[in-house]
Each structure stands twice: as C-alpha cells, then as structure tokens.
Amino acid sequence: MKYRPCTGGCTHEGSHCNGCGRSHEEVSELNKMVKELAGYCKKMDYKNTDDFANSVATGIYYKLEALNK
C-alpha cells in the first residue's frame, strides 16, 4: 500500500476520506500519534520544534529501514 498525504479535502462520510482516499481508521490513528508527539514536544517545552519534528521523521525513516532488512 502506498501512503497518501492529506489533500485538504477531508470528508467523514463512508469508510474512506474522499480527499486522500485513506480509511477513516487510518486517518484517526495517525492523528492520534501526531497529537501525542506534539503534546510531548509541548511538555518538554522545546523551542526548536522544527528540529524535533525533523528528528522524529528521521527516526521513523531509520526504524523502517531496519525493519525492512
């Protein structure tokens, strides 16, 4: 399956978003993870939020690389 990012045309009817085509369950789970990461960043009072976000993205990339070996 290929990930499809949000296009801004979100819908809540049916089982899938008409904007990105992802299931509402997938969208909800990802939103929950992002909310938790944002909450952690706020709790730690990081001032360099761009560095935090980039570090998380890089960490995910390397974890996926390791899982795919």
PDB file of N, CA and C in Angstrom:
ATOM      1  N   MET A   1       0.852  -1.170   0.000  1.00  0.00           N
ATOM      2  CA  MET A   1       0.000   0.000   0.000  1.00  0.00           C
ATOM      3  C   MET A   1       0.898   1.234   0.000  1.00  0.00           C
ATOM      4  N   LYS A   2       0.500   2.251  -0.709  1.00  0.00           N
ATOM      5  CA  LYS A   2       1.252   3.500  -0.758  1.00  0.00           C
ATOM      6  C   LYS A   2       0.531   4.549   0.084  1.00  0.00           C
ATOM      7  N   TYR A   3       1.295   5.249   0.928  1.00  0.00           N
ATOM      8  CA  TYR A   3       0.725   6.305   1.770  1.00  0.00           C
ATOM      9  C   TYR A   3       0.302   7.485   0.903  1.00  0.00           C
ATOM     10  N   ARG A   4      -0.857   8.017   1.202  1.00  0.00           N
ATOM     11  CA  ARG A   4      -1.343   9.213   0.510  1.00  0.00           C
ATOM     12  C   ARG A   4      -1.549  10.315   1.540  1.00  0.00           C
ATOM     13  N   PRO A   5      -0.814  11.416   1.401  1.00  0.00           N
ATOM     14  CA  PRO A   5      -0.951  12.507   2.374  1.00  0.00           C
ATOM     15  C   PRO A   5      -2.283  13.232   2.227  1.00  0.00           C
ATOM     16  N   CYS A   6      -2.628  13.970   3.263  1.00  0.00           N
ATOM     17  CA  CYS A   6      -3.854  14.763   3.262  1.00  0.00           C
ATOM     18  C   CYS A   6      -3.801  15.794   2.139  1.00  0.00           C
ATOM     19  N   THR A   7      -4.935  15.975   1.475  1.00  0.00           N
ATOM     20  CA  THR A   7      -5.024  16.960   0.394  1.00  0.00           C
ATOM     21  C   THR A   7      -5.867  18.162   0.792  1.00  0.00           C
ATOM     22  N   GLY A   8      -6.392  18.132   2.011  1.00  0.00           N
ATOM     23  CA  GLY A   8      -7.224  19.230   2.484  1.00  0.00           C
ATOM     24  C   GLY A   8      -8.690  19.087   2.124  1.00  0.00           C
ATOM     25  N   GLY A   9      -9.055  18.043   1.412  1.00  0.00           N
ATOM     26  CA  GLY A   9     -10.443  17.827   1.026  1.00  0.00           C
ATOM     27  C   GLY A   9     -11.105  16.773   1.879  1.00  0.00           C
ATOM     28  N   CYS A  10     -10.907  16.846   3.178  1.00  0.00           N
ATOM     29  CA  CYS A  10     -11.367  15.812   4.104  1.00  0.00           C
ATOM     30  C   CYS A  10     -12.883  15.635   4.096  1.00  0.00           C
ATOM     31  N   THR A  11     -13.289  14.370   4.128  1.00  0.00           N
ATOM     32  CA  THR A  11     -14.702  14.024   4.272  1.00  0.00           C
ATOM     33  C   THR A  11     -14.815  12.998   5.389  1.00  0.00           C
ATOM     34  N   HIS A  12     -15.985  12.913   5.980  1.00  0.00           N
ATOM     35  CA  HIS A  12     -16.183  11.996   7.107  1.00  0.00           C
ATOM     36  C   HIS A  12     -17.251  10.946   6.818  1.00  0.00           C
ATOM     37  N   GLU A  13     -17.846  10.991   5.649  1.00  0.00           N
ATOM     38  CA  GLU A  13     -18.874  10.027   5.283  1.00  0.00           C
ATOM     39  C   GLU A  13     -18.213   8.761   4.752  1.00  0.00           C
ATOM     40  N   GLY A  14     -18.924   7.656   4.881  1.00  0.00           N
ATOM     41  CA  GLY A  14     -18.426   6.386   4.361  1.00  0.00           C
ATOM     42  C   GLY A  14     -17.252   5.859   5.165  1.00  0.00           C
ATOM     43  N   SER A  15     -16.510   4.945   4.557  1.00  0.00           N
ATOM     44  CA  SER A  15     -15.390   4.318   5.266  1.00  0.00           C
ATOM     45  C   SER A  15     -14.047   4.966   4.944  1.00  0.00           C
ATOM     46  N   HIS A  16     -13.986   5.759   3.867  1.00  0.00           N
ATOM     47  CA  HIS A  16     -12.737   6.377   3.439  1.00  0.00           C
ATOM     48  C   HIS A  16     -12.934   7.870   3.156  1.00  0.00           C
ATOM     49  N   CYS A  17     -11.871   8.619   3.354  1.00  0.00           N
ATOM     50  CA  CYS A  17     -11.882  10.048   3.050  1.00  0.00           C
ATOM     51  C   CYS A  17     -11.867  10.221   1.531  1.00  0.00           C
ATOM     52  N   ASN A  18     -12.719  11.069   1.016  1.00  0.00           N
ATOM     53  CA  ASN A  18     -12.739  11.320  -0.424  1.00  0.00           C
ATOM     54  C   ASN A  18     -11.570  12.190  -0.860  1.00  0.00           C
ATOM     55  N   GLY A  19     -10.942  12.891   0.084  1.00  0.00           N
ATOM     56  CA  GLY A  19      -9.802  13.744  -0.251  1.00  0.00           C
ATOM     57  C   GLY A  19      -8.538  12.943  -0.510  1.00  0.00           C
ATOM     58  N   CYS A  20      -8.121  12.137   0.471  1.00  0.00           N
ATOM     59  CA  CYS A  20      -6.850  11.398   0.358  1.00  0.00           C
ATOM     60  C   CYS A  20      -7.051   9.928   0.027  1.00  0.00           C
ATOM     61  N   GLY A  21      -8.256   9.417   0.240  1.00  0.00           N
ATOM     62  CA  GLY A  21      -8.538   8.016  -0.051  1.00  0.00           C
ATOM     63  C   GLY A  21      -8.193   7.051   1.072  1.00  0.00           C
ATOM     64  N   ARG A  22      -7.635   7.579   2.178  1.00  0.00           N
ATOM     65  CA  ARG A  22      -7.293   6.707   3.303  1.00  0.00           C
ATOM     66  C   ARG A  22      -8.549   6.390   4.110  1.00  0.00           C
ATOM     67  N   SER A  23      -8.513   5.256   4.805  1.00  0.00           N
ATOM     68  CA  SER A  23      -9.653   4.902   5.651  1.00  0.00           C
ATOM     69  C   SER A  23      -9.724   5.882   6.815  1.00  0.00           C
ATOM     70  N   HIS A  24     -10.913   6.081   7.333  1.00  0.00           N
ATOM     71  CA  HIS A  24     -11.077   6.980   8.481  1.00  0.00           C
ATOM     72  C   HIS A  24     -10.331   6.430   9.692  1.00  0.00           C
ATOM     73  N   GLU A  25     -10.239   5.103   9.796  1.00  0.00           N
ATOM     74  CA  GLU A  25      -9.490   4.485  10.889  1.00  0.00           C
ATOM     75  C   GLU A  25      -8.004   4.847  10.780  1.00  0.00           C
ATOM     76  N   GLU A  26      -7.447   4.761   9.578  1.00  0.00           N
ATOM     77  CA  GLU A  26      -6.036   5.104   9.367  1.00  0.00           C
ATOM     78  C   GLU A  26      -5.780   6.569   9.701  1.00  0.00           C
ATOM     79  N   VAL A  27      -6.648   7.448   9.220  1.00  0.00           N
ATOM     80  CA  VAL A  27      -6.511   8.881   9.486  1.00  0.00           C
ATOM     81  C   VAL A  27      -6.564   9.141  10.988  1.00  0.00           C
ATOM     82  N   SER A  28      -7.498   8.495  11.669  1.00  0.00           N
ATOM     83  CA  SER A  28      -7.663   8.676  13.108  1.00  0.00           C
ATOM     84  C   SER A  28      -6.433   8.207  13.883  1.00  0.00           C
ATOM     85  N   GLU A  29      -5.900   7.036  13.520  1.00  0.00           N
ATOM     86  CA  GLU A  29      -4.720   6.503  14.215  1.00  0.00           C
ATOM     87  C   GLU A  29      -3.511   7.410  14.025  1.00  0.00           C
ATOM     88  N   LEU A  30      -3.314   7.901  12.805  1.00  0.00           N
ATOM     89  CA  LEU A  30      -2.184   8.788  12.544  1.00  0.00           C
ATOM     90  C   LEU A  30      -2.352  10.107  13.292  1.00  0.00           C
ATOM     91  N   ASN A  31      -3.571  10.641  13.291  1.00  0.00           N
ATOM     92  CA  ASN A  31      -3.826  11.881  14.032  1.00  0.00           C
ATOM     93  C   ASN A  31      -3.528  11.709  15.518  1.00  0.00           C
ATOM     94  N   LYS A  32      -3.858  10.553  16.071  1.00  0.00           N
ATOM     95  CA  LYS A  32      -3.593  10.282  17.486  1.00  0.00           C
ATOM     96  C   LYS A  32      -2.092  10.294  17.764  1.00  0.00           C
ATOM     97  N   MET A  33      -1.313   9.630  16.894  1.00  0.00           N
ATOM     98  CA  MET A  33       0.142   9.595  17.085  1.00  0.00           C
ATOM     99  C   MET A  33       0.751  10.989  16.971  1.00  0.00           C
ATOM    100  N   VAL A  34       0.302  11.762  15.997  1.00  0.00           N
ATOM    101  CA  VAL A  34       0.822  13.118  15.813  1.00  0.00           C
ATOM    102  C   VAL A  34       0.472  13.983  17.017  1.00  0.00           C
ATOM    103  N   LYS A  35      -0.754  13.846  17.512  1.00  0.00           N
ATOM    104  CA  LYS A  35      -1.177  14.616  18.685  1.00  0.00           C
ATOM    105  C   LYS A  35      -0.310  14.273  19.893  1.00  0.00           C
ATOM    106  N   GLU A  36      -0.001  12.986  20.070  1.00  0.00           N
ATOM    107  CA  GLU A  36       0.851  12.565  21.186  1.00  0.00           C
ATOM    108  C   GLU A  36       2.261  13.135  21.054  1.00  0.00           C
ATOM    109  N   LEU A  37       2.813  13.114  19.849  1.00  0.00           N
ATOM    110  CA  LEU A  37       4.151  13.678  19.635  1.00  0.00           C
ATOM    111  C   LEU A  37       4.158  15.186  19.867  1.00  0.00           C
ATOM    112  N   ALA A  38       3.125  15.874  19.396  1.00  0.00           N
ATOM    113  CA  ALA A  38       3.032  17.320  19.613  1.00  0.00           C
ATOM    114  C   ALA A  38       2.897  17.624  21.098  1.00  0.00           C
ATOM    115  N   GLY A  39       2.114  16.822  21.806  1.00  0.00           N
ATOM    116  CA  GLY A  39       1.959  17.000  23.249  1.00  0.00           C
ATOM    117  C   GLY A  39       3.270  16.794  23.987  1.00  0.00           C
ATOM    118  N   TYR A  40       4.049  15.807  23.554  1.00  0.00           N
ATOM    119  CA  TYR A  40       5.352  15.554  24.169  1.00  0.00           C
ATOM    120  C   TYR A  40       6.283  16.743  23.937  1.00  0.00           C
ATOM    121  N   CYS A  41       6.283  17.262  22.733  1.00  0.00           N
ATOM    122  CA  CYS A  41       7.117  18.421  22.401  1.00  0.00           C
ATOM    123  C   CYS A  41       6.742  19.613  23.274  1.00  0.00           C
ATOM    124  N   LYS A  42       5.457  19.817  23.465  1.00  0.00           N
ATOM    125  CA  LYS A  42       4.984  20.921  24.308  1.00  0.00           C
ATOM    126  C   LYS A  42       5.353  20.683  25.770  1.00  0.00           C
ATOM    127  N   LYS A  43       5.176  19.446  26.250  1.00  0.00           N
ATOM    128  CA  LYS A  43       5.505  19.110  27.636  1.00  0.00           C
ATOM    129  C   LYS A  43       6.982  19.369  27.928  1.00  0.00           C
ATOM    130  N   MET A  44       7.841  19.046  26.966  1.00  0.00           N
ATOM    131  CA  MET A  44       9.276  19.247  27.133  1.00  0.00           C
ATOM    132  C   MET A  44       9.669  20.712  26.917  1.00  0.00           C
ATOM    133  N   ASP A  45       8.717  21.510  26.441  1.00  0.00           N
ATOM    134  CA  ASP A  45       8.922  22.940  26.194  1.00  0.00           C
ATOM    135  C   ASP A  45      10.066  23.197  25.206  1.00  0.00           C
ATOM    136  N   TYR A  46      10.145  22.334  24.178  1.00  0.00           N
ATOM    137  CA  TYR A  46      11.162  22.527  23.146  1.00  0.00           C
ATOM    138  C   TYR A  46      10.886  23.831  22.400  1.00  0.00           C
ATOM    139  N   LYS A  47      11.908  24.621  22.216  1.00  0.00           N
ATOM    140  CA  LYS A  47      11.775  25.876  21.465  1.00  0.00           C
ATOM    141  C   LYS A  47      12.063  25.657  19.982  1.00  0.00           C
ATOM    142  N   ASN A  48      12.838  24.613  19.688  1.00  0.00           N
ATOM    143  CA  ASN A  48      13.206  24.301  18.302  1.00  0.00           C
ATOM    144  C   ASN A  48      12.326  23.160  17.772  1.00  0.00           C
ATOM    145  N   THR A  49      11.048  23.459  17.619  1.00  0.00           N
ATOM    146  CA  THR A  49      10.082  22.429  17.225  1.00  0.00           C
ATOM    147  C   THR A  49      10.385  21.853  15.847  1.00  0.00           C
ATOM    148  N   ASP A  50      10.973  22.647  14.964  1.00  0.00           N
ATOM    149  CA  ASP A  50      11.318  22.128  13.643  1.00  0.00           C
ATOM    150  C   ASP A  50      12.381  21.036  13.752  1.00  0.00           C
ATOM    151  N   ASP A  51      13.354  21.227  14.637  1.00  0.00           N
ATOM    152  CA  ASP A  51      14.371  20.194  14.845  1.00  0.00           C
ATOM    153  C   ASP A  51      13.754  18.930  15.440  1.00  0.00           C
ATOM    154  N   PHE A  52      12.818  19.093  16.374  1.00  0.00           N
ATOM    155  CA  PHE A  52      12.138  17.941  16.966  1.00  0.00           C
ATOM    156  C   PHE A  52      11.383  17.167  15.887  1.00  0.00           C
ATOM    157  N   ALA A  53      10.594  17.873  15.076  1.00  0.00           N
ATOM    158  CA  ALA A  53       9.802  17.218  14.032  1.00  0.00           C
ATOM    159  C   ALA A  53      10.705  16.512  13.023  1.00  0.00           C
ATOM    160  N   ASN A  54      11.786  17.155  12.628  1.00  0.00           N
ATOM    161  CA  ASN A  54      12.715  16.541  11.680  1.00  0.00           C
ATOM    162  C   ASN A  54      13.397  15.320  12.283  1.00  0.00           C
ATOM    163  N   SER A  55      13.727  15.383  13.563  1.00  0.00           N
ATOM    164  CA  SER A  55      14.356  14.254  14.243  1.00  0.00           C
ATOM    165  C   SER A  55      13.403  13.064  14.322  1.00  0.00           C
ATOM    166  N   VAL A  56      12.140  13.325  14.607  1.00  0.00           N
ATOM    167  CA  VAL A  56      11.137  12.256  14.649  1.00  0.00           C
ATOM    168  C   VAL A  56      11.002  11.620  13.264  1.00  0.00           C
ATOM    169  N   ALA A  57      10.922  12.448  12.226  1.00  0.00           N
ATOM    170  CA  ALA A  57      10.797  11.923  10.864  1.00  0.00           C
ATOM    171  C   ALA A  57      12.008  11.074  10.492  1.00  0.00           C
ATOM    172  N   THR A  58      13.203  11.542  10.841  1.00  0.00           N
ATOM    173  CA  THR A  58      14.419  10.791  10.555  1.00  0.00           C
ATOM    174  C   THR A  58      14.436   9.477  11.332  1.00  0.00           C
ATOM    175  N   GLY A  59      14.008   9.528  12.590  1.00  0.00           N
ATOM    176  CA  GLY A  59      13.949   8.314  13.402  1.00  0.00           C
ATOM    177  C   GLY A  59      13.014   7.281  12.809  1.00  0.00           C
ATOM    178  N   ILE A  60      11.873   7.728  12.328  1.00  0.00           N
ATOM    179  CA  ILE A  60      10.915   6.817  11.688  1.00  0.00           C
ATOM    180  C   ILE A  60      11.547   6.191  10.446  1.00  0.00           C
ATOM    181  N   TYR A  61      12.203   7.010   9.647  1.00  0.00           N
ATOM    182  CA  TYR A  61      12.849   6.514   8.427  1.00  0.00           C
ATOM    183  C   TYR A  61      13.851   5.405   8.751  1.00  0.00           C
ATOM    184  N   TYR A  62      14.727   5.653   9.728  1.00  0.00           N
ATOM    185  CA  TYR A  62      15.746   4.657  10.073  1.00  0.00           C
ATOM    186  C   TYR A  62      15.145   3.398  10.698  1.00  0.00           C
ATOM    187  N   LYS A  63      14.093   3.546  11.484  1.00  0.00           N
ATOM    188  CA  LYS A  63      13.419   2.365  12.047  1.00  0.00           C
ATOM    189  C   LYS A  63      12.822   1.516  10.924  1.00  0.00           C
ATOM    190  N   LEU A  64      12.221   2.170   9.935  1.00  0.00           N
ATOM    191  CA  LEU A  64      11.642   1.436   8.808  1.00  0.00           C
ATOM    192  C   LEU A  64      12.720   0.742   7.987  1.00  0.00           C
ATOM    193  N   GLU A  65      13.850   1.412   7.797  1.00  0.00           N
ATOM    194  CA  GLU A  65      14.967   0.794   7.076  1.00  0.00           C
ATOM    195  C   GLU A  65      15.415  -0.479   7.790  1.00  0.00           C
ATOM    196  N   ALA A  66      15.530  -0.413   9.105  1.00  0.00           N
ATOM    197  CA  ALA A  66      15.955  -1.576   9.887  1.00  0.00           C
ATOM    198  C   ALA A  66      14.920  -2.699   9.814  1.00  0.00           C
ATOM    199  N   LEU A  67      13.636  -2.348   9.850  1.00  0.00           N
ATOM    200  CA  LEU A  67      12.577  -3.360   9.785  1.00  0.00           C
ATOM    201  C   LEU A  67      12.528  -4.049   8.422  1.00  0.00           C
ATOM    202  N   ASN A  68      12.931  -3.337   7.381  1.00  0.00           N
ATOM    203  CA  ASN A  68      12.861  -3.873   6.021  1.00  0.00           C
ATOM    204  C   ASN A  68      14.081  -4.698   5.630  1.00  0.00           C
ATOM    205  N   LYS A  69      15.035  -4.867   6.533  1.00  0.00           N
ATOM    206  CA  LYS A  69      16.238  -5.665   6.215  1.00  0.00           C
ATOM    207  C   LYS A  69      15.959  -7.133   6.406  1.00  0.00           C
TER     208      LYS A  69
END
